[in-house]
N, C-alpha and C. Protein backbone atom coordinates (compact mmCIF):
# COMPACT_ATOMS: atom_id res chain seq x y z
N UNK A 1 -33.66 -53.46 -6.34
CA UNK A 1 -33.76 -53.12 -4.94
C UNK A 1 -32.34 -52.99 -4.37
N UNK A 2 -32.12 -51.95 -3.62
CA UNK A 2 -30.83 -51.79 -2.97
C UNK A 2 -31.01 -51.88 -1.46
N UNK A 3 -29.97 -52.36 -0.82
CA UNK A 3 -29.97 -52.48 0.64
C UNK A 3 -28.85 -51.61 1.17
N UNK A 4 -29.18 -50.81 2.16
CA UNK A 4 -28.17 -50.00 2.80
C UNK A 4 -28.00 -50.50 4.23
N UNK A 5 -26.76 -50.73 4.62
CA UNK A 5 -26.46 -51.16 5.97
C UNK A 5 -25.85 -49.98 6.71
N UNK A 6 -26.41 -49.68 7.87
CA UNK A 6 -25.93 -48.57 8.71
C UNK A 6 -25.28 -49.18 9.93
N UNK A 7 -24.06 -48.77 10.22
CA UNK A 7 -23.33 -49.27 11.38
C UNK A 7 -23.18 -48.13 12.37
N UNK A 8 -23.68 -48.32 13.56
CA UNK A 8 -23.54 -47.31 14.62
C UNK A 8 -22.45 -47.76 15.57
N UNK A 9 -21.47 -46.93 15.79
CA UNK A 9 -20.43 -47.24 16.76
C UNK A 9 -20.92 -46.88 18.16
N UNK A 10 -20.14 -47.24 19.15
CA UNK A 10 -20.49 -46.88 20.52
C UNK A 10 -20.52 -45.37 20.65
N UNK A 11 -21.20 -44.89 21.66
CA UNK A 11 -21.24 -43.47 21.93
C UNK A 11 -19.89 -43.01 22.49
N UNK A 12 -19.71 -41.71 22.62
CA UNK A 12 -18.45 -41.12 23.06
C UNK A 12 -18.15 -41.47 24.52
N UNK A 13 -16.93 -41.93 24.75
CA UNK A 13 -16.50 -42.25 26.12
C UNK A 13 -15.64 -41.13 26.68
N UNK A 14 -15.44 -41.17 27.98
CA UNK A 14 -14.54 -40.21 28.62
C UNK A 14 -13.13 -40.35 28.04
N UNK A 15 -12.70 -41.58 27.78
CA UNK A 15 -11.39 -41.80 27.17
C UNK A 15 -11.30 -41.15 25.79
N UNK A 16 -12.36 -41.30 24.98
CA UNK A 16 -12.37 -40.68 23.65
C UNK A 16 -12.15 -39.18 23.75
N UNK A 17 -12.83 -38.55 24.69
CA UNK A 17 -12.70 -37.10 24.84
C UNK A 17 -11.30 -36.70 25.29
N UNK A 18 -10.60 -37.61 25.97
CA UNK A 18 -9.23 -37.33 26.42
C UNK A 18 -8.20 -37.74 25.37
N UNK A 19 -8.67 -38.21 24.19
CA UNK A 19 -7.76 -38.60 23.13
C UNK A 19 -7.18 -39.99 23.32
N UNK A 20 -7.82 -40.82 24.15
CA UNK A 20 -7.35 -42.17 24.43
C UNK A 20 -8.26 -43.17 23.74
N UNK A 21 -7.67 -44.13 23.02
CA UNK A 21 -8.43 -45.21 22.41
C UNK A 21 -8.63 -46.30 23.46
N UNK A 22 -9.86 -46.51 23.86
CA UNK A 22 -10.17 -47.47 24.91
C UNK A 22 -9.90 -48.90 24.46
N UNK A 23 -10.12 -49.17 23.18
CA UNK A 23 -9.89 -50.53 22.66
C UNK A 23 -10.84 -51.53 23.26
N UNK A 24 -10.31 -52.63 23.74
CA UNK A 24 -11.14 -53.71 24.29
C UNK A 24 -11.48 -53.50 25.76
N UNK A 25 -10.92 -52.45 26.36
CA UNK A 25 -11.19 -52.19 27.77
C UNK A 25 -12.58 -51.57 27.93
N UNK A 26 -13.22 -51.80 29.07
CA UNK A 26 -14.52 -51.18 29.27
C UNK A 26 -14.35 -49.67 29.41
N UNK A 27 -15.17 -48.94 28.74
CA UNK A 27 -15.10 -47.48 28.82
C UNK A 27 -16.31 -46.95 29.57
N UNK A 28 -16.22 -45.72 29.99
CA UNK A 28 -17.33 -45.04 30.65
C UNK A 28 -17.83 -43.96 29.73
N UNK A 29 -19.13 -43.95 29.46
CA UNK A 29 -19.68 -42.91 28.60
C UNK A 29 -19.53 -41.55 29.26
N UNK A 30 -19.16 -40.59 28.43
CA UNK A 30 -19.10 -39.21 28.90
C UNK A 30 -20.52 -38.65 28.90
N UNK A 31 -20.68 -37.42 29.33
CA UNK A 31 -22.01 -36.77 29.28
C UNK A 31 -22.51 -36.72 27.84
N UNK A 32 -21.61 -36.41 26.91
CA UNK A 32 -21.97 -36.40 25.49
C UNK A 32 -22.39 -37.79 25.05
N UNK A 33 -21.65 -38.81 25.47
CA UNK A 33 -21.96 -40.19 25.10
C UNK A 33 -23.31 -40.64 25.63
N UNK A 34 -23.64 -40.24 26.85
CA UNK A 34 -24.95 -40.58 27.42
C UNK A 34 -26.06 -39.94 26.61
N UNK A 35 -25.87 -38.69 26.19
CA UNK A 35 -26.86 -38.02 25.35
C UNK A 35 -26.99 -38.72 24.00
N UNK A 36 -25.86 -39.09 23.38
CA UNK A 36 -25.89 -39.79 22.09
C UNK A 36 -26.64 -41.11 22.21
N UNK A 37 -26.36 -41.87 23.26
CA UNK A 37 -27.03 -43.16 23.46
C UNK A 37 -28.52 -42.97 23.68
N UNK A 38 -28.88 -41.97 24.45
CA UNK A 38 -30.29 -41.70 24.72
C UNK A 38 -31.02 -41.31 23.43
N UNK A 39 -30.40 -40.45 22.61
CA UNK A 39 -31.02 -40.03 21.35
C UNK A 39 -31.18 -41.20 20.39
N UNK A 40 -30.20 -42.09 20.33
CA UNK A 40 -30.30 -43.24 19.45
C UNK A 40 -31.35 -44.22 19.97
N UNK A 41 -31.36 -44.45 21.27
CA UNK A 41 -32.31 -45.37 21.87
C UNK A 41 -33.75 -44.90 21.74
N UNK A 42 -33.96 -43.60 21.73
CA UNK A 42 -35.31 -43.05 21.58
C UNK A 42 -35.66 -42.82 20.12
N UNK A 43 -34.78 -43.23 19.24
CA UNK A 43 -34.97 -43.12 17.78
C UNK A 43 -34.99 -41.69 17.27
N UNK A 44 -34.52 -40.74 18.04
CA UNK A 44 -34.52 -39.35 17.56
C UNK A 44 -33.54 -39.15 16.42
N UNK A 45 -32.36 -39.76 16.54
CA UNK A 45 -31.31 -39.51 15.56
C UNK A 45 -31.58 -40.21 14.23
N UNK A 46 -32.26 -41.32 14.24
CA UNK A 46 -32.49 -42.10 13.01
C UNK A 46 -33.96 -42.17 12.62
N UNK A 47 -34.79 -41.34 13.23
CA UNK A 47 -36.24 -41.41 13.04
C UNK A 47 -36.66 -41.38 11.58
N UNK A 48 -36.07 -40.53 10.77
CA UNK A 48 -36.50 -40.36 9.39
C UNK A 48 -35.61 -41.06 8.37
N UNK A 49 -34.81 -42.02 8.80
CA UNK A 49 -33.88 -42.71 7.90
C UNK A 49 -34.49 -43.90 7.18
N UNK A 50 -35.73 -44.28 7.49
CA UNK A 50 -36.37 -45.39 6.82
C UNK A 50 -35.83 -46.76 7.21
N UNK A 51 -35.23 -46.86 8.38
CA UNK A 51 -34.69 -48.14 8.85
C UNK A 51 -35.84 -49.09 9.17
N UNK A 52 -35.74 -50.31 8.63
CA UNK A 52 -36.82 -51.28 8.84
C UNK A 52 -36.43 -52.41 9.79
N UNK A 53 -35.15 -52.55 10.11
CA UNK A 53 -34.71 -53.60 11.03
C UNK A 53 -33.48 -53.12 11.78
N UNK A 54 -33.39 -53.55 13.04
CA UNK A 54 -32.22 -53.21 13.86
C UNK A 54 -31.71 -54.50 14.48
N UNK A 55 -30.41 -54.73 14.37
CA UNK A 55 -29.77 -55.90 14.98
C UNK A 55 -28.74 -55.38 15.97
N UNK A 56 -28.70 -55.97 17.17
CA UNK A 56 -27.75 -55.53 18.17
C UNK A 56 -26.83 -56.65 18.57
């Protein structure tokens, strides 16, 4: 049996789009980031990946 661990990073921030690494500072999601978060939260992006557990 093999186990695969999938790590999802935060969605795209306005700083990311401007080429700035936000680091430990709070960032604001860009329009793209809001779409990415919504797709992940609704399981659209990972629907067919066979994920059996999610830890946050």
